[in-house]
Amino acid sequence: MGNSITAEELAKLESGSFTLIDIRDSSAFEYGHIDGAVNIAQEDISAAELPDDRKLIICCRSGIISRDIADELCDKGFDAYNLEGGYVEWLRLKMENSQVTEAVELSLRKKFKKSIWCKFTKAINEYELVKPNDKIAVCISGGKDSMLMAKLFQELKRHDKFPFEVVFLVMDPGYSPENRRVIEENARSMSIPVHIFESDIFDSVYNIEKNPCYICARMRRGYLYSHAKALGCNKIALGHHFDDVIETILMGMLYGGQVQTMMPKLHSTNFEGMELIRPLYLVREDDIKHWRDYNGLHFIQCACKFTDTCTTCAPDSRSVSKRLEIKNLIAELKKVNPQVEKNIFRSVENVNVNTVIAYKDDEGVHRFLDTYDTKADS
């Protein structure tokens, strides 16, 4: 059997006496990792050239898969250890006594004023997302986007140009205790007074084979609407950002055969009087990551039961693989045309219905032939 090491013991090891190997996939590693870790995917570790003159500490999301990898490396003669509790446990300990409110708020007023704060307020004003006497449920999933949105709303409240209320709403759809603590500790360290309620969504979708992530997202939104309305709110705010918007545009075109986008706000069709707003609509994801890393913040990525064994969602209909594919495509296009992201966004602001074959609205489908001869006569 392989050895194990706790996060507390890891912190006491001398630098250079060990190599910390994070076996999560690259997207999870990029989202957040232990300082000094190297990323070698689980499927690649058996073929990797590993140092044999120091301890090898294997880390996964929650210390489950890494235990078996450490055992295998021990059998091959390496001095390998499993990090107990994995990245999640390390993160919990890191945040336990953390208090970052003042630094985080100062960074939004100074360093990130132009790239984040001004774009946040521009979306609020341009799309009329917040109006007098609104009561908004700021929905926090535990990730970087929603946590940033919560801090931005707190800053907006301080300006108080007109009266409105906010409730910081966290739905626990069945998080593990470790993930629940990470969310609670982040909220505490940043002075976000969260209102948490439970649901059993993860249990409900766990055995669904086709599109469980889509069904989970729909159910979560319904629960958020329902609970927000019960609290007297008329809006829910979600943390989708600029990159989500342009990726949705391309996904619709390439995989859905349609031109549509993620709107900055929507009236709910199932909850009368309720609206959904997206205040990070103009904020770039790279700027959110920069804000996160500048402040030394760590957040959960995806905490559903599909990921509790240290992998991201499987690369099929239940995953975000298509969105990642589109993200990579945009990155490649940007190498040739630095303006490509802005142009994708502008494409849905500059639709000329006179130059499309057909379009849809609430009244049905309209084809260019419907008015073609009439326009010629006029």
Protein backbone atom coordinates (compact mmCIF):
# COMPACT_ATOMS: atom_id res chain seq x y z
CA MET A 1 0.00 0.00 0.00
CA GLY A 2 1.15 3.53 -0.74
CA ASN A 3 1.87 6.09 1.94
CA SER A 4 -0.31 9.10 2.63
CA ILE A 5 0.32 12.67 3.72
CA THR A 6 -2.01 15.34 5.05
CA ALA A 7 -2.23 18.92 3.84
CA GLU A 8 -0.79 20.08 7.19
CA GLU A 9 2.20 17.77 6.76
CA LEU A 10 2.67 18.93 3.17
CA ALA A 11 3.00 22.53 4.34
CA LYS A 12 5.92 21.55 6.62
CA LEU A 13 7.99 19.79 3.94
CA GLU A 14 11.15 21.50 2.74
CA SER A 15 11.00 22.93 -0.75
CA GLY A 16 12.91 20.71 -3.16
CA SER A 17 12.38 17.56 -1.12
CA PHE A 18 9.28 16.56 -3.05
CA THR A 19 7.40 16.90 -6.33
CA LEU A 20 3.69 17.53 -6.10
CA ILE A 21 1.80 16.00 -9.05
CA ASP A 22 -1.79 17.06 -9.71
CA ILE A 23 -3.50 14.38 -11.83
CA ARG A 24 -6.71 16.29 -12.57
CA ASP A 25 -7.41 17.34 -16.15
CA SER A 26 -5.85 20.55 -17.42
CA SER A 27 -9.04 22.62 -17.18
CA ALA A 28 -9.50 21.74 -13.50
CA PHE A 29 -5.81 22.42 -12.82
CA GLU A 30 -5.99 25.80 -14.55
CA TYR A 31 -9.09 26.68 -12.54
CA GLY A 32 -7.12 26.30 -9.31
CA HIS A 33 -4.24 24.25 -7.92
CA ILE A 34 -1.79 23.97 -5.05
CA ASP A 35 1.18 26.29 -5.37
CA GLY A 36 4.14 24.55 -7.01
CA ALA A 37 2.15 21.59 -8.34
CA VAL A 38 2.85 20.15 -11.78
CA ASN A 39 -0.03 18.87 -13.89
CA ILE A 40 0.24 15.36 -15.29
CA ALA A 41 -3.11 13.88 -16.30
CA GLN A 42 -4.09 10.58 -14.75
CA GLU A 43 -3.90 8.73 -18.06
CA ASP A 44 -0.40 10.09 -18.79
CA ILE A 45 1.33 9.47 -15.48
CA SER A 46 2.37 5.87 -16.22
CA ALA A 47 4.40 7.04 -19.24
CA ALA A 48 5.78 10.22 -17.65
CA GLU A 49 9.41 10.63 -16.62
CA LEU A 50 9.23 11.07 -12.86
CA PRO A 51 12.09 12.00 -10.49
CA ASP A 52 13.26 9.11 -8.31
CA ASP A 53 15.40 11.18 -5.93
CA ARG A 54 12.57 12.79 -3.99
CA LYS A 55 9.10 12.16 -2.64
CA LEU A 56 6.25 12.10 -5.17
CA ILE A 57 3.03 13.48 -3.71
CA ILE A 58 0.00 12.66 -5.83
CA CYS A 59 -2.99 14.98 -5.68
CA CYS A 60 -6.45 14.66 -7.22
CA ARG A 61 -9.65 16.41 -6.40
CA SER A 62 -10.59 14.60 -3.19
CA GLY A 63 -7.88 12.01 -2.60
CA ILE A 64 -9.67 9.03 -4.11
CA ILE A 65 -8.09 8.36 -7.48
CA SER A 66 -4.70 9.65 -6.31
CA ARG A 67 -4.59 6.90 -3.67
CA ASP A 68 -4.52 4.20 -6.35
CA ILE A 69 -1.95 6.09 -8.42
CA ALA A 70 0.32 6.44 -5.38
CA ASP A 71 0.01 2.70 -4.75
CA GLU A 72 0.98 1.92 -8.34
CA LEU A 73 4.01 4.21 -8.16
CA CYS A 74 5.11 2.62 -4.88
CA ASP A 75 4.95 -0.79 -6.57
CA LYS A 76 7.32 0.60 -9.22
CA GLY A 77 9.82 1.65 -6.59
CA PHE A 78 8.98 5.34 -6.20
CA ASP A 79 8.64 7.03 -2.81
CA ALA A 80 5.05 8.04 -3.53
CA TYR A 81 2.40 9.50 -1.23
CA ASN A 82 -1.28 10.22 -1.60
CA LEU A 83 -2.45 13.68 -0.49
CA GLU A 84 -5.32 12.91 1.88
CA GLY A 85 -8.49 14.75 0.95
CA GLY A 86 -6.84 16.06 -2.22
CA TYR A 87 -7.11 19.60 -3.50
CA VAL A 88 -10.43 20.21 -1.74
CA GLU A 89 -8.99 19.49 1.71
CA TRP A 90 -5.90 21.62 1.02
CA LEU A 91 -8.18 24.44 -0.08
CA ARG A 92 -10.35 24.16 3.03
CA LEU A 93 -7.32 24.46 5.31
CA LYS A 94 -5.93 27.37 3.31
CA MET A 95 -9.16 29.32 3.72
CA GLU A 96 -9.89 28.38 7.32
CA ASN A 97 -8.34 31.49 8.83
CA SER A 98 -8.33 33.66 5.73
CA GLN A 99 -9.77 37.16 5.72
CA VAL A 100 -9.41 38.91 2.37
CA THR A 101 -12.36 41.30 2.29
CA GLU A 102 -10.42 44.55 2.37
CA ALA A 103 -7.85 43.49 -0.26
CA VAL A 104 -10.50 42.09 -2.60
CA GLU A 105 -12.63 45.21 -2.41
CA LEU A 106 -9.65 47.51 -2.87
CA SER A 107 -8.58 45.60 -5.97
CA LEU A 108 -12.00 46.17 -7.55
CA ARG A 109 -11.79 49.90 -6.86
CA LYS A 110 -8.20 50.28 -8.07
CA LYS A 111 -6.42 47.64 -10.15
CA PHE A 112 -9.54 46.13 -11.73
CA LYS A 113 -11.66 49.26 -11.94
CA LYS A 114 -11.40 49.54 -15.74
CA SER A 115 -11.41 45.86 -16.68
CA ILE A 116 -14.11 44.62 -14.28
CA TRP A 117 -15.95 47.33 -12.31
CA CYS A 118 -16.57 49.68 -15.24
CA LYS A 119 -17.72 46.83 -17.48
CA PHE A 120 -20.04 45.59 -14.74
CA THR A 121 -21.64 49.02 -14.34
CA LYS A 122 -21.80 49.48 -18.13
CA ALA A 123 -23.86 46.29 -18.45
CA ILE A 124 -26.08 47.39 -15.54
CA ASN A 125 -26.79 50.72 -17.26
CA GLU A 126 -26.81 49.70 -20.93
CA TYR A 127 -29.19 46.76 -20.46
CA GLU A 128 -31.15 48.31 -17.56
CA LEU A 129 -30.48 45.30 -15.34
CA VAL A 130 -31.05 46.99 -11.97
CA LYS A 131 -33.93 49.37 -11.35
CA PRO A 132 -35.23 51.24 -8.31
CA ASN A 133 -36.85 49.03 -5.67
CA ASP A 134 -35.59 45.79 -7.20
CA LYS A 135 -34.86 42.94 -4.83
CA ILE A 136 -32.23 40.77 -6.49
CA ALA A 137 -31.17 37.26 -5.57
CA VAL A 138 -27.47 37.14 -6.42
CA CYS A 139 -27.01 33.43 -7.09
CA ILE A 140 -23.70 32.01 -5.89
CA SER A 141 -22.54 28.62 -7.13
CA GLY A 142 -19.18 28.78 -5.41
CA GLY A 143 -17.10 29.47 -8.52
CA LYS A 144 -15.01 32.52 -9.39
CA ASP A 145 -17.70 34.21 -11.52
CA SER A 146 -20.54 34.20 -9.01
CA MET A 147 -18.27 35.14 -6.10
CA LEU A 148 -16.94 38.10 -8.06
CA MET A 149 -20.51 39.10 -8.96
CA ALA A 150 -21.44 39.08 -5.27
CA LYS A 151 -18.57 41.45 -4.41
CA LEU A 152 -19.52 43.73 -7.30
CA PHE A 153 -23.09 43.96 -6.05
CA GLN A 154 -21.83 44.85 -2.58
CA GLU A 155 -19.80 47.63 -4.17
CA LEU A 156 -22.82 48.77 -6.17
CA LYS A 157 -24.88 48.94 -2.98
CA ARG A 158 -22.29 51.27 -1.44
CA HIS A 159 -22.86 53.76 -4.25
CA ASP A 160 -26.61 53.52 -3.57
CA LYS A 161 -27.76 55.84 -6.36
CA PHE A 162 -31.26 54.48 -5.93
CA PRO A 163 -32.86 52.03 -3.48
CA PHE A 164 -32.61 48.32 -4.23
CA GLU A 165 -31.96 45.18 -2.19
CA VAL A 166 -29.77 42.14 -2.68
CA VAL A 167 -29.86 38.66 -1.20
CA PHE A 168 -26.83 36.42 -1.67
CA LEU A 169 -28.41 33.08 -2.42
CA VAL A 170 -26.59 29.74 -2.38
CA MET A 171 -28.40 26.56 -3.30
CA ASP A 172 -26.81 23.36 -2.01
CA PRO A 173 -28.01 20.75 -4.54
CA GLY A 174 -26.20 17.97 -2.70
CA TYR A 175 -22.61 19.14 -2.30
CA SER A 176 -20.19 17.00 -0.35
CA PRO A 177 -19.44 18.42 3.12
CA GLU A 178 -15.98 19.43 1.86
CA ASN A 179 -17.34 21.47 -1.05
CA ARG A 180 -20.00 23.05 1.15
CA ARG A 181 -17.27 24.20 3.55
CA VAL A 182 -15.23 25.69 0.70
CA ILE A 183 -18.19 27.84 -0.36
CA GLU A 184 -18.94 28.87 3.21
CA GLU A 185 -15.30 29.73 3.96
CA ASN A 186 -14.95 31.80 0.78
CA ALA A 187 -18.11 33.70 1.64
CA ARG A 188 -16.87 34.27 5.20
CA SER A 189 -13.39 35.39 4.15
CA MET A 190 -14.87 37.91 1.69
CA SER A 191 -17.67 39.07 4.04
CA ILE A 192 -20.52 37.90 1.81
CA PRO A 193 -23.59 37.14 3.99
CA VAL A 194 -24.94 34.10 2.13
CA HIS A 195 -28.39 32.59 2.51
CA ILE A 196 -28.06 28.82 1.92
CA PHE A 197 -30.87 26.39 1.18
CA GLU A 198 -30.78 22.69 0.32
CA SER A 199 -32.22 20.63 -2.52
CA ASP A 200 -31.73 17.05 -3.76
CA ILE A 201 -31.01 17.84 -7.40
CA PHE A 202 -27.75 15.87 -7.58
CA ASP A 203 -29.53 12.72 -6.38
CA SER A 204 -32.33 13.32 -8.89
CA VAL A 205 -30.08 13.54 -11.95
CA TYR A 206 -27.30 11.16 -10.91
CA ASN A 207 -28.72 8.15 -12.77
CA ILE A 208 -29.88 10.07 -15.84
CA GLU A 209 -27.73 8.98 -18.78
CA LYS A 210 -28.72 11.54 -21.42
CA ASN A 211 -27.79 15.19 -20.82
CA PRO A 212 -27.74 15.11 -16.99
CA CYS A 213 -25.79 18.40 -16.84
CA TYR A 214 -28.43 20.17 -18.95
CA ILE A 215 -31.26 18.76 -16.84
CA CYS A 216 -29.39 19.64 -13.65
CA ALA A 217 -28.92 23.24 -14.83
CA ARG A 218 -32.64 23.58 -15.67
CA MET A 219 -33.67 22.17 -12.31
CA ARG A 220 -31.24 24.40 -10.44
CA ARG A 221 -32.58 27.49 -12.16
CA GLY A 222 -36.13 26.49 -11.25
CA TYR A 223 -35.20 26.03 -7.60
CA LEU A 224 -33.41 29.39 -7.58
CA TYR A 225 -36.41 31.18 -9.10
CA SER A 226 -38.77 29.53 -6.63
CA HIS A 227 -36.69 30.27 -3.54
CA ALA A 228 -35.87 33.80 -4.66
CA LYS A 229 -39.55 34.55 -5.22
CA ALA A 230 -40.38 33.17 -1.77
CA LEU A 231 -37.85 35.64 -0.34
CA GLY A 232 -39.63 38.53 -2.07
CA CYS A 233 -37.13 38.92 -4.92
CA ASN A 234 -38.18 39.94 -8.42
CA LYS A 235 -34.87 39.06 -10.12
CA ILE A 236 -32.16 36.44 -10.00
CA ALA A 237 -28.62 37.34 -11.10
CA LEU A 238 -26.39 34.71 -12.69
CA GLY A 239 -22.63 34.95 -13.26
CA HIS A 240 -22.36 34.35 -17.00
CA HIS A 241 -19.62 36.51 -18.56
CA PHE A 242 -18.63 37.82 -22.01
CA ASP A 243 -16.83 34.62 -22.99
CA ASP A 244 -19.92 32.54 -22.14
CA VAL A 245 -21.91 34.79 -24.47
CA ILE A 246 -19.67 34.50 -27.52
CA GLU A 247 -19.16 30.76 -26.98
CA THR A 248 -22.94 30.34 -26.92
CA ILE A 249 -23.24 32.22 -30.22
CA LEU A 250 -20.76 29.91 -31.96
CA MET A 251 -22.16 26.76 -30.35
CA GLY A 252 -25.61 27.66 -31.66
CA MET A 253 -24.28 28.15 -35.17
CA LEU A 254 -21.94 25.16 -35.37
CA TYR A 255 -23.89 22.58 -33.37
CA GLY A 256 -27.45 23.91 -33.28
CA GLY A 257 -27.83 25.34 -36.77
CA GLN A 258 -29.23 28.61 -35.43
CA VAL A 259 -28.22 32.19 -34.71
CA GLN A 260 -28.98 33.10 -31.11
CA THR A 261 -27.22 34.32 -28.02
CA MET A 262 -27.32 34.35 -24.25
CA MET A 263 -29.40 37.44 -23.50
CA PRO A 264 -28.40 39.99 -20.83
CA LYS A 265 -31.82 39.63 -19.24
CA LEU A 266 -34.93 37.48 -19.65
CA HIS A 267 -38.46 37.39 -18.33
CA SER A 268 -39.19 34.06 -16.66
CA THR A 269 -41.82 32.00 -18.50
CA ASN A 270 -42.65 29.86 -15.46
CA PHE A 271 -42.40 32.32 -12.58
CA GLU A 272 -44.61 35.34 -13.12
CA GLY A 273 -43.01 38.68 -12.36
CA MET A 274 -39.50 37.24 -12.17
CA GLU A 275 -36.52 38.15 -14.35
CA LEU A 276 -33.06 36.70 -14.91
CA ILE A 277 -30.18 39.16 -15.29
CA ARG A 278 -26.51 38.65 -16.25
CA PRO A 279 -24.50 41.59 -14.83
CA LEU A 280 -21.09 40.15 -15.90
CA TYR A 281 -22.26 40.21 -19.53
CA LEU A 282 -19.39 42.48 -20.67
CA VAL A 283 -16.67 41.20 -18.32
CA ARG A 284 -13.94 39.03 -19.85
CA GLU A 285 -13.10 35.69 -18.26
CA ASP A 286 -9.36 36.38 -18.40
CA ASP A 287 -9.92 39.48 -16.27
CA ILE A 288 -11.92 37.41 -13.76
CA LYS A 289 -9.07 34.89 -13.59
CA HIS A 290 -6.58 37.74 -13.13
CA TRP A 291 -8.67 39.14 -10.25
CA ARG A 292 -8.85 35.68 -8.67
CA ASP A 293 -5.12 35.02 -8.92
CA TYR A 294 -4.12 38.56 -7.92
CA ASN A 295 -6.01 38.11 -4.66
CA GLY A 296 -4.83 34.52 -4.13
CA LEU A 297 -8.39 33.20 -4.21
CA HIS A 298 -9.40 29.57 -4.77
CA PHE A 299 -12.88 28.40 -5.68
CA ILE A 300 -14.62 25.13 -6.45
CA GLN A 301 -15.00 24.31 -10.14
CA CYS A 302 -17.82 21.81 -10.42
CA ALA A 303 -18.95 20.02 -7.29
CA CYS A 304 -21.57 17.61 -8.57
CA LYS A 305 -21.51 13.87 -7.97
CA PHE A 306 -20.13 13.29 -11.45
CA THR A 307 -16.96 15.09 -10.35
CA ASP A 308 -16.60 13.87 -6.79
CA THR A 309 -14.21 11.17 -7.99
CA CYS A 310 -11.75 13.79 -9.18
CA THR A 311 -12.60 13.94 -12.88
CA THR A 312 -14.56 16.52 -14.76
CA CYS A 313 -17.80 15.48 -16.43
CA ALA A 314 -17.29 12.72 -18.96
CA PRO A 315 -16.55 13.96 -22.49
CA ASP A 316 -19.94 13.10 -23.94
CA SER A 317 -23.46 14.55 -23.86
CA ARG A 318 -23.23 15.10 -20.12
CA SER A 319 -20.18 17.37 -20.30
CA VAL A 320 -18.97 20.81 -21.24
CA SER A 321 -16.68 19.32 -23.89
CA LYS A 322 -18.38 21.14 -26.77
CA ARG A 323 -18.05 24.46 -24.99
CA LEU A 324 -14.37 23.74 -24.35
CA GLU A 325 -13.98 22.89 -28.03
CA ILE A 326 -15.51 26.23 -28.99
CA LYS A 327 -13.30 28.03 -26.44
CA ASN A 328 -10.22 26.48 -28.05
CA LEU A 329 -11.50 27.37 -31.53
CA ILE A 330 -11.91 31.03 -30.55
CA ALA A 331 -8.39 31.03 -29.09
CA GLU A 332 -7.01 29.76 -32.42
CA LEU A 333 -8.99 32.31 -34.43
CA LYS A 334 -7.73 35.09 -32.16
CA LYS A 335 -4.16 34.29 -33.19
CA VAL A 336 -5.04 35.35 -36.74
CA ASN A 337 -7.57 38.06 -35.89
CA PRO A 338 -7.21 39.74 -32.46
CA GLN A 339 -10.66 41.31 -32.90
CA VAL A 340 -12.48 38.03 -33.45
CA GLU A 341 -14.08 37.92 -29.98
CA LYS A 342 -15.52 41.43 -30.29
CA ASN A 343 -16.71 40.66 -33.81
CA ILE A 344 -18.54 37.52 -32.69
CA PHE A 345 -20.32 39.59 -30.04
CA ARG A 346 -21.13 42.41 -32.48
CA SER A 347 -22.55 39.94 -35.00
CA VAL A 348 -25.69 39.54 -32.88
CA GLU A 349 -25.97 43.31 -32.37
CA ASN A 350 -25.81 44.02 -36.12
CA VAL A 351 -28.25 41.52 -37.60
CA ASN A 352 -29.71 42.80 -40.87
CA VAL A 353 -32.96 40.89 -41.41
CA ASN A 354 -32.97 41.98 -45.05
CA THR A 355 -29.97 39.77 -45.69
CA VAL A 356 -31.06 36.55 -43.97
CA ILE A 357 -32.99 33.74 -45.64
CA ALA A 358 -35.39 33.36 -42.69
CA TYR A 359 -35.83 34.41 -39.10
CA LYS A 360 -38.13 33.49 -36.22
CA ASP A 361 -40.07 35.55 -33.73
CA ASP A 362 -43.11 35.01 -31.50
CA GLU A 363 -45.37 35.11 -34.54
CA GLY A 364 -43.55 32.32 -36.38
CA VAL A 365 -41.06 31.93 -39.22
CA HIS A 366 -40.55 34.75 -41.73
CA ARG A 367 -38.81 33.96 -45.03
CA PHE A 368 -37.25 36.45 -47.40
CA LEU A 369 -39.60 35.26 -50.17
CA ASP A 370 -42.61 36.49 -48.15
CA THR A 371 -41.78 40.11 -49.01
CA TYR A 372 -39.34 39.66 -51.87
CA ASP A 373 -41.67 40.72 -54.74
CA THR A 374 -43.30 43.45 -52.65
CA LYS A 375 -39.95 45.10 -52.03
CA ALA A 376 -39.10 44.92 -55.71
CA ASP A 377 -42.35 46.70 -56.65
CA SER A 378 -41.74 49.44 -54.10
